[in-house]
Amino acid sequence: MEKTIYFAGGCFWGTQHFFKQVEGVKDAICGYANGNTQNPKYEEVYTDTTGFAETVEVRYNPARISLEELTDLFFCIIDPLSLNRQGHDEGTRYRTGIYYKEEAERTEIQKVYAREEAKIGAPLVVELEPLRNFFPAEERHQDYLDKNPDGYCHLPFKAFRYVKLYQDAKLILADETDSVARMAELAALIHERMGFFWTGFYRVQGQQLVLGPFQGPSACLRIGYGKGVCGTAWKENRTLVVPDVEEFPGHIACSSLSKSEIVVPVRENGAVTAVLDIDSTEFATFDATDALWLEKIVEIGK
């Protein structure tokens, strides 16, 4: 059985390439949706006079991935508060939206909208409408990033790697109940796929973080509450992205080779039970994209 949903996420080159990485997606096609003419050409859509949005038709197998999951992944690659703009691309053709064929689909999609609004604390500017029309884009736009691996994309290229990592981790950990085994497998997967210098977990024990499963050189065995980047992320219960570890007050130097760092809390019922710590030998390695995906990944790894 195959179903179809339509995602407008800014420039369709990156949106198409992203959904092609998703397990359960059978095909993704660039096109133009919900405009007011017939058979539009790119040059016409580019003028912002046709009402069309650059959109990707996603054909998927609902037995392998649900519409709710697809929608959740879609929100990982858009700014839902940016009206008629994504990245450097601006105009009504770059507006964000989800267009559906069946009213029942709207109900499923709205679950994700509600979660996103609650998380952000502001109304979204992402359209949610019935599909009125859709026209496939010209052949030169189909699979653009496959044909041009170094071509323009408004999405960070690491998002394509993270979505594969996220799905593989979800599959591998699905039946494992031991928390240490889950941490060990997750540390290995992240380290191998993303090529970081050090990847590992510290577990909360009393007023200390104790070294858990990790990949990389020898590390600090224990870190106090509120100490260093890891202890501060624990105390403040939030992800910390540190472009230069030497500039972080009270930084604990487990390795002189570490230049930048990201620490993501692992929570149970809102309380921090561990942290995921990742170090890089380069400055400013980590950003909001890493934070977003690593937060999703630790949710399935705990």
Protein backbone atom coordinates (compact mmCIF):
# COMPACT_ATOMS: atom_id res chain seq x y z
CA MET A 1 0.00 0.00 0.00
CA GLU A 2 1.31 3.45 -0.91
CA LYS A 3 0.20 6.83 0.37
CA THR A 4 1.16 10.35 -0.66
CA ILE A 5 1.70 13.60 1.24
CA TYR A 6 3.06 16.96 0.06
CA PHE A 7 5.71 18.97 1.93
CA ALA A 8 6.68 22.56 1.09
CA GLY A 9 9.94 23.24 2.91
CA GLY A 10 11.64 26.03 1.03
CA CYS A 11 13.85 25.14 -1.95
CA PHE A 12 12.65 21.73 -3.12
CA TRP A 13 16.14 20.47 -3.98
CA GLY A 14 17.09 19.97 -0.32
CA THR A 15 13.62 18.88 0.80
CA GLN A 16 13.53 16.17 -1.85
CA HIS A 17 17.02 14.94 -1.01
CA PHE A 18 16.17 14.81 2.69
CA PHE A 19 13.06 12.67 2.23
CA LYS A 20 14.91 10.33 -0.11
CA GLN A 21 17.06 9.39 2.91
CA VAL A 22 14.02 8.37 4.96
CA GLU A 23 13.29 4.66 5.36
CA GLY A 24 9.77 3.89 4.21
CA VAL A 25 9.71 6.63 1.58
CA LYS A 26 9.34 5.03 -1.84
CA ASP A 27 9.81 8.19 -3.92
CA ALA A 28 10.09 11.96 -3.60
CA ILE A 29 9.30 14.27 -6.52
CA CYS A 30 9.96 18.00 -6.85
CA GLY A 31 7.03 20.08 -8.03
CA TYR A 32 4.71 23.03 -7.57
CA ALA A 33 1.59 22.91 -5.36
CA ASN A 34 -1.54 24.92 -4.63
CA GLY A 35 -1.17 27.59 -7.27
CA ASN A 36 -3.65 29.31 -9.55
CA THR A 37 -2.48 28.31 -13.05
CA GLN A 38 -2.04 25.07 -15.01
CA ASN A 39 1.28 23.35 -15.82
CA PRO A 40 3.52 26.13 -14.50
CA LYS A 41 7.15 26.49 -15.49
CA TYR A 42 9.91 27.25 -13.00
CA GLU A 43 10.49 30.69 -14.50
CA GLU A 44 6.81 31.53 -13.91
CA VAL A 45 6.76 30.21 -10.35
CA TYR A 46 9.93 32.20 -9.63
CA THR A 47 8.04 35.47 -10.17
CA ASP A 48 5.79 34.77 -7.15
CA THR A 49 2.71 35.61 -9.23
CA THR A 50 1.34 32.07 -9.71
CA GLY A 51 0.60 31.24 -6.07
CA PHE A 52 2.60 28.02 -6.22
CA ALA A 53 4.92 26.77 -3.49
CA GLU A 54 7.97 24.66 -4.25
CA THR A 55 6.77 21.33 -2.90
CA VAL A 56 7.88 17.71 -2.70
CA GLU A 57 5.45 14.89 -3.31
CA VAL A 58 6.40 12.13 -0.86
CA ARG A 59 5.17 8.62 -1.61
CA TYR A 60 5.55 6.35 1.38
CA ASN A 61 4.67 2.98 2.81
CA PRO A 62 2.53 3.55 5.96
CA ALA A 63 3.46 0.09 7.21
CA ARG A 64 7.06 1.28 7.53
CA ILE A 65 6.65 4.92 8.49
CA SER A 66 3.60 6.84 9.66
CA LEU A 67 2.41 10.23 8.49
CA GLU A 68 3.00 11.52 12.02
CA GLU A 69 6.64 10.39 11.85
CA LEU A 70 7.11 11.98 8.43
CA THR A 71 5.65 15.23 9.69
CA ASP A 72 7.89 15.14 12.75
CA LEU A 73 10.94 14.75 10.47
CA PHE A 74 9.70 17.59 8.26
CA PHE A 75 9.76 19.96 11.22
CA CYS A 76 13.42 19.05 11.73
CA ILE A 77 14.37 20.77 8.47
CA ILE A 78 12.28 23.95 8.52
CA ASP A 79 12.03 27.16 10.52
CA PRO A 80 8.30 27.06 11.33
CA LEU A 81 8.25 30.73 12.38
CA SER A 82 9.77 32.11 9.18
CA LEU A 83 7.13 33.41 6.77
CA ASN A 84 7.89 33.04 3.05
CA ARG A 85 11.55 32.40 3.73
CA GLN A 86 13.79 29.41 4.43
CA GLY A 87 17.53 29.89 4.68
CA HIS A 88 18.63 32.47 2.13
CA ASP A 89 15.63 31.82 -0.11
CA GLU A 90 12.81 34.36 0.10
CA GLY A 91 9.42 34.66 -1.60
CA THR A 92 5.97 33.09 -1.42
CA ARG A 93 7.22 30.19 -3.52
CA TYR A 94 9.46 29.27 -0.56
CA ARG A 95 6.68 29.27 2.05
CA THR A 96 6.33 26.21 4.25
CA GLY A 97 3.29 23.98 4.26
CA ILE A 98 1.84 20.50 4.30
CA TYR A 99 -0.87 19.64 1.77
CA TYR A 100 -3.03 16.56 2.20
CA LYS A 101 -5.61 14.63 0.17
CA GLU A 102 -7.75 13.12 2.94
CA GLU A 103 -9.32 14.90 5.92
CA ALA A 104 -8.19 12.10 8.25
CA GLU A 105 -4.61 13.02 7.41
CA ARG A 106 -5.16 16.54 8.73
CA THR A 107 -5.99 15.13 12.19
CA GLU A 108 -2.76 13.11 12.28
CA ILE A 109 -0.66 16.05 11.10
CA GLN A 110 -2.25 18.41 13.64
CA LYS A 111 -0.84 16.29 16.47
CA VAL A 112 2.65 17.31 15.40
CA TYR A 113 1.63 20.94 14.87
CA ALA A 114 0.30 21.05 18.45
CA ARG A 115 3.55 19.59 19.86
CA GLU A 116 5.66 22.05 17.88
CA GLU A 117 3.60 25.05 18.96
CA ALA A 118 3.81 23.94 22.59
CA LYS A 119 7.57 23.48 22.33
CA ILE A 120 8.19 26.80 20.59
CA GLY A 121 5.56 28.78 22.46
CA ALA A 122 4.38 30.69 19.39
CA PRO A 123 1.94 30.15 16.50
CA LEU A 124 3.43 28.41 13.47
CA VAL A 125 3.37 29.97 10.01
CA VAL A 126 3.33 26.58 8.29
CA GLU A 127 0.31 26.13 6.02
CA LEU A 128 -1.90 23.08 6.56
CA GLU A 129 -4.33 22.81 3.68
CA PRO A 130 -5.97 20.31 1.33
CA LEU A 131 -3.98 19.73 -1.85
CA ARG A 132 -5.64 21.69 -4.67
CA ASN A 133 -3.13 20.83 -7.38
CA PHE A 134 0.40 19.57 -7.91
CA PHE A 135 2.57 19.66 -11.02
CA PRO A 136 5.96 17.89 -11.21
CA ALA A 137 8.88 20.23 -11.81
CA GLU A 138 11.12 20.07 -14.85
CA GLU A 139 13.57 17.18 -15.12
CA ARG A 140 16.55 19.43 -14.35
CA HIS A 141 15.15 19.92 -10.83
CA GLN A 142 14.59 16.23 -10.07
CA ASP A 143 17.30 14.63 -7.90
CA TYR A 144 19.32 17.83 -8.22
CA LEU A 145 21.67 17.06 -5.31
CA ASP A 146 22.32 13.55 -6.63
CA LYS A 147 23.37 15.06 -9.93
CA ASN A 148 25.24 17.94 -8.25
CA PRO A 149 26.64 16.71 -4.90
CA ASP A 150 28.26 20.09 -4.23
CA GLY A 151 25.31 22.07 -5.52
CA TYR A 152 23.34 24.69 -3.62
CA CYS A 153 21.16 23.56 -0.74
CA HIS A 154 19.54 25.68 1.95
CA LEU A 155 19.73 22.74 4.34
CA PRO A 156 22.96 21.81 6.15
CA PHE A 157 24.35 18.69 4.49
CA LYS A 158 24.84 17.01 7.86
CA ALA A 159 21.06 16.87 8.26
CA PHE A 160 21.04 14.16 5.58
CA ARG A 161 23.54 12.11 7.61
CA TYR A 162 21.71 12.67 10.86
CA VAL A 163 18.36 11.45 9.56
CA LYS A 164 19.96 8.16 8.48
CA LEU A 165 21.73 7.87 11.81
CA TYR A 166 18.50 8.58 13.69
CA GLN A 167 16.54 5.94 11.80
CA ASP A 168 19.25 3.30 12.05
CA ALA A 169 19.63 3.89 15.79
CA LYS A 170 15.87 3.61 16.23
CA LEU A 171 15.85 0.28 14.38
CA ILE A 172 18.90 -1.21 16.12
CA LEU A 173 17.78 -0.22 19.63
CA ALA A 174 14.13 -1.18 19.17
CA ASP A 175 14.26 -4.41 21.21
CA GLU A 176 17.15 -3.70 23.59
CA THR A 177 16.11 -3.00 27.19
CA ASP A 178 19.47 -2.69 28.95
CA SER A 179 20.34 1.01 29.34
CA VAL A 180 24.12 0.52 29.31
CA ALA A 181 23.93 -1.55 26.14
CA ARG A 182 21.78 1.14 24.52
CA MET A 183 24.26 3.86 25.45
CA ALA A 184 27.20 1.79 24.21
CA GLU A 185 25.57 1.09 20.85
CA LEU A 186 24.49 4.70 20.43
CA ALA A 187 27.94 6.07 21.26
CA ALA A 188 29.48 3.73 18.69
CA LEU A 189 26.93 4.63 16.00
CA ILE A 190 27.34 8.39 16.45
CA HIS A 191 31.13 8.13 16.59
CA GLU A 192 31.37 5.94 13.48
CA ARG A 193 28.83 7.80 11.33
CA MET A 194 29.75 11.38 12.24
CA GLY A 195 33.50 10.96 12.75
CA PHE A 196 33.77 12.92 15.99
CA PHE A 197 36.92 12.91 18.17
CA TRP A 198 35.19 11.68 21.33
CA THR A 199 31.64 10.46 21.84
CA GLY A 200 30.28 9.10 25.10
CA PHE A 201 27.93 9.20 28.03
CA TYR A 202 28.31 10.27 31.63
CA ARG A 203 25.74 8.85 34.05
CA VAL A 204 24.34 10.68 37.07
CA GLN A 205 25.33 9.04 40.35
CA GLY A 206 24.59 11.16 43.38
CA GLN A 207 26.24 14.55 42.88
CA GLN A 208 28.62 13.34 40.19
CA LEU A 209 28.65 12.32 36.57
CA VAL A 210 30.40 8.96 36.18
CA LEU A 211 31.95 7.89 32.90
CA GLY A 212 29.80 5.49 30.92
CA PRO A 213 30.13 3.86 27.49
CA PHE A 214 32.27 5.92 25.11
CA GLN A 215 34.29 5.91 21.92
CA GLY A 216 37.63 7.72 21.75
CA PRO A 217 40.72 8.28 23.90
CA SER A 218 40.85 8.00 27.69
CA ALA A 219 38.57 10.50 29.45
CA CYS A 220 37.73 11.98 32.84
CA LEU A 221 36.21 9.36 35.13
CA ARG A 222 34.04 11.69 37.21
CA ILE A 223 32.68 15.22 36.83
CA GLY A 224 30.99 17.19 39.62
CA TYR A 225 27.54 18.76 39.49
CA GLY A 226 27.78 22.13 37.77
CA LYS A 227 31.44 21.58 36.83
CA GLY A 228 32.75 21.98 33.29
CA VAL A 229 30.52 21.75 30.24
CA CYS A 230 29.02 18.38 31.20
CA GLY A 231 28.25 19.32 34.78
CA THR A 232 26.77 22.65 33.68
CA ALA A 233 24.51 20.99 31.09
CA TRP A 234 23.32 18.66 33.87
CA LYS A 235 22.73 21.52 36.33
CA GLU A 236 20.95 23.75 33.80
CA ASN A 237 19.09 20.82 32.18
CA ARG A 238 19.77 22.05 28.66
CA THR A 239 21.96 21.33 25.65
CA LEU A 240 25.18 23.32 25.57
CA VAL A 241 27.01 24.08 22.32
CA VAL A 242 30.56 25.35 22.96
CA PRO A 243 32.48 26.68 19.92
CA ASP A 244 35.75 27.06 21.88
CA VAL A 245 36.15 25.02 25.06
CA GLU A 246 38.94 27.27 26.35
CA GLU A 247 36.47 30.14 26.57
CA PHE A 248 33.98 28.17 28.68
CA PRO A 249 34.28 29.16 32.38
CA GLY A 250 35.59 26.26 34.43
CA HIS A 251 36.21 24.00 31.45
CA ILE A 252 37.64 20.62 32.42
CA ALA A 253 40.32 19.56 29.93
CA CYS A 254 40.04 15.78 29.60
CA SER A 255 42.11 16.09 26.40
CA SER A 256 44.20 19.00 25.12
CA LEU A 257 43.10 18.01 21.58
CA SER A 258 39.48 18.94 22.23
CA LYS A 259 38.60 22.35 20.75
CA SER A 260 34.78 22.42 20.67
CA GLU A 261 32.05 20.45 22.40
CA ILE A 262 28.34 19.70 22.62
CA VAL A 263 26.63 18.18 25.65
CA VAL A 264 23.04 16.91 25.52
CA PRO A 265 21.08 15.95 28.66
CA VAL A 266 19.37 12.55 28.81
CA ARG A 267 16.13 12.85 30.78
CA GLU A 268 13.74 10.52 32.56
CA ASN A 269 10.50 12.17 33.67
CA GLY A 270 12.12 15.57 33.22
CA ALA A 271 15.14 14.83 35.43
CA VAL A 272 18.65 14.48 33.98
CA THR A 273 19.92 10.91 34.36
CA ALA A 274 22.94 11.18 32.04
CA VAL A 275 24.55 13.41 29.45
CA LEU A 276 25.81 12.71 25.95
CA ASP A 277 29.19 14.42 25.52
CA ILE A 278 30.80 14.91 22.10
CA ASP A 279 34.13 16.60 21.43
CA SER A 280 35.83 17.79 18.24
CA THR A 281 39.43 18.65 17.43
CA GLU A 282 38.18 21.62 15.37
CA PHE A 283 36.72 24.89 16.60
CA ALA A 284 32.98 25.63 16.14
CA THR A 285 32.11 22.12 14.93
CA PHE A 286 28.65 22.03 16.48
CA ASP A 287 25.56 24.16 15.90
CA ALA A 288 21.76 24.13 16.16
CA THR A 289 21.50 21.27 13.63
CA ASP A 290 23.67 19.01 15.80
CA ALA A 291 21.69 20.00 18.88
CA LEU A 292 18.33 19.26 17.25
CA TRP A 293 19.27 15.82 15.94
CA LEU A 294 21.31 14.71 18.94
CA GLU A 295 18.40 15.62 21.23
CA LYS A 296 16.14 13.40 19.11
CA ILE A 297 18.70 10.61 19.11
CA VAL A 298 19.22 10.54 22.89
CA GLU A 299 15.44 10.26 23.30
CA ILE A 300 15.49 6.88 21.58
CA GLY A 301 18.73 5.83 23.26
CA LYS A 302 17.76 6.25 26.89
